[in-house]
Amino acid sequence: MRKILQDGLLAIFLFFIPVQILALEPVVFNENVLNQKVVDEINLIGKELQEKSGIFAGVAIGDKSDFQTLLDLHKQLPQSYVLLVLSKNSHKDDIIGS
């Protein structure tokens, strides 16, 4: 009986792991630069792109954050990604991908 419960809990745990991976929003970082309507549209388009192509497309936009901090966010992304990084404070932008 104990083995059945352990296997059941493991199965439930493994079922929810992919849900967490796919739950990543395309607007990875936003310091109130984009309004909510724009964020919603980017999230919608980004999720559709990921469903159809398997490539995560994200945006990291900072007002006061420095460029390197925003650039380091790519370490949290899935294997195949494209990330648009914009920093108002550093006056820099970049597109990185894997």
Protein backbone atom coordinates (compact mmCIF):
# COMPACT_ATOMS: atom_id res chain seq x y z
CA MET A 1 0.00 0.00 0.00
CA ARG A 2 2.83 2.38 0.86
CA LYS A 3 4.51 1.71 -2.51
CA ILE A 4 1.27 2.55 -4.34
CA LEU A 5 0.98 5.87 -2.50
CA GLN A 6 4.61 6.75 -3.21
CA ASP A 7 4.22 5.92 -6.90
CA GLY A 8 0.98 7.91 -7.05
CA LEU A 9 2.57 10.98 -5.47
CA LEU A 10 5.54 10.71 -7.81
CA ALA A 11 3.23 10.51 -10.83
CA ILE A 12 1.28 13.58 -9.70
CA PHE A 13 4.52 15.49 -9.09
CA LEU A 14 5.92 14.60 -12.52
CA PHE A 15 2.63 15.56 -14.16
CA PHE A 16 2.80 19.12 -12.83
CA ILE A 17 6.47 19.78 -13.71
CA PRO A 18 5.78 20.44 -17.45
CA VAL A 19 2.89 22.72 -16.49
CA GLN A 20 5.30 24.90 -14.49
CA ILE A 21 7.80 25.04 -17.37
CA LEU A 22 5.11 26.13 -19.83
CA ALA A 23 3.75 28.68 -17.33
CA LEU A 24 6.64 31.08 -18.00
CA GLU A 25 5.23 34.33 -19.36
CA PRO A 26 6.82 35.93 -22.44
CA VAL A 27 7.14 39.25 -20.59
CA VAL A 28 9.93 37.97 -18.35
CA PHE A 29 10.66 41.30 -16.65
CA ASN A 30 8.83 44.64 -16.74
CA GLU A 31 9.47 47.60 -14.43
CA ASN A 32 6.19 49.32 -15.29
CA VAL A 33 7.53 50.38 -18.68
CA LEU A 34 4.79 48.54 -20.57
CA ASN A 35 1.13 49.04 -19.71
CA GLN A 36 -1.01 45.99 -18.91
CA LYS A 37 -2.74 45.90 -22.31
CA VAL A 38 0.61 45.66 -24.10
CA VAL A 39 1.83 42.99 -21.65
CA ASP A 40 -1.31 40.93 -22.29
CA GLU A 41 -0.85 41.14 -26.07
CA ILE A 42 2.84 40.18 -25.90
CA ASN A 43 1.98 37.25 -23.63
CA LEU A 44 -0.73 36.08 -26.02
CA ILE A 45 1.51 36.28 -29.09
CA GLY A 46 4.45 34.72 -27.26
CA LYS A 47 2.44 31.74 -26.04
CA GLU A 48 1.03 31.15 -29.52
CA LEU A 49 4.53 31.29 -31.02
CA GLN A 50 5.82 28.79 -28.46
CA GLU A 51 2.92 26.40 -29.09
CA LYS A 52 3.44 26.47 -32.86
CA SER A 53 7.24 26.55 -33.08
CA GLY A 54 8.52 25.30 -29.72
CA ILE A 55 10.66 28.42 -29.35
CA PHE A 56 10.17 30.69 -26.34
CA ALA A 57 10.10 34.38 -27.27
CA GLY A 58 10.43 36.75 -24.34
CA VAL A 59 10.91 40.39 -23.44
CA ALA A 60 12.84 41.85 -20.51
CA ILE A 61 12.38 45.61 -20.10
CA GLY A 62 13.87 47.58 -17.25
CA ASP A 63 13.53 51.19 -16.22
CA LYS A 64 16.05 51.35 -13.39
CA SER A 65 17.71 47.92 -13.80
CA ASP A 66 21.09 47.79 -15.45
CA PHE A 67 21.62 45.97 -18.73
CA GLN A 68 23.67 43.07 -17.32
CA THR A 69 20.98 42.18 -14.76
CA LEU A 70 18.40 42.00 -17.53
CA LEU A 71 20.75 40.03 -19.75
CA ASP A 72 21.29 37.43 -17.01
CA LEU A 73 17.57 36.57 -17.08
CA HIS A 74 18.25 34.31 -20.08
CA LYS A 75 19.63 31.70 -17.66
CA GLN A 76 16.07 31.03 -16.42
CA LEU A 77 14.62 30.41 -19.88
CA PRO A 78 13.89 27.10 -21.64
CA GLN A 79 16.41 25.54 -24.04
CA SER A 80 15.18 27.20 -27.27
CA TYR A 81 14.58 30.90 -26.76
CA VAL A 82 14.83 34.40 -28.17
CA LEU A 83 14.96 37.26 -25.65
CA LEU A 84 14.62 40.97 -26.38
CA VAL A 85 16.41 42.96 -23.67
CA LEU A 86 15.82 46.72 -23.26
CA SER A 87 17.34 48.86 -20.50
CA LYS A 88 16.32 52.51 -20.19
CA ASN A 89 18.91 53.11 -17.45
CA SER A 90 21.85 51.77 -19.49
CA HIS A 91 20.47 53.00 -22.85
CA LYS A 92 21.16 49.57 -24.36
CA ASP A 93 19.18 46.90 -26.14
CA ASP A 94 19.98 43.44 -27.44
CA ILE A 95 18.39 40.30 -28.85
CA ILE A 96 19.88 37.03 -27.63
CA GLY A 97 18.94 33.47 -28.41
CA SER A 98 19.92 29.86 -28.11
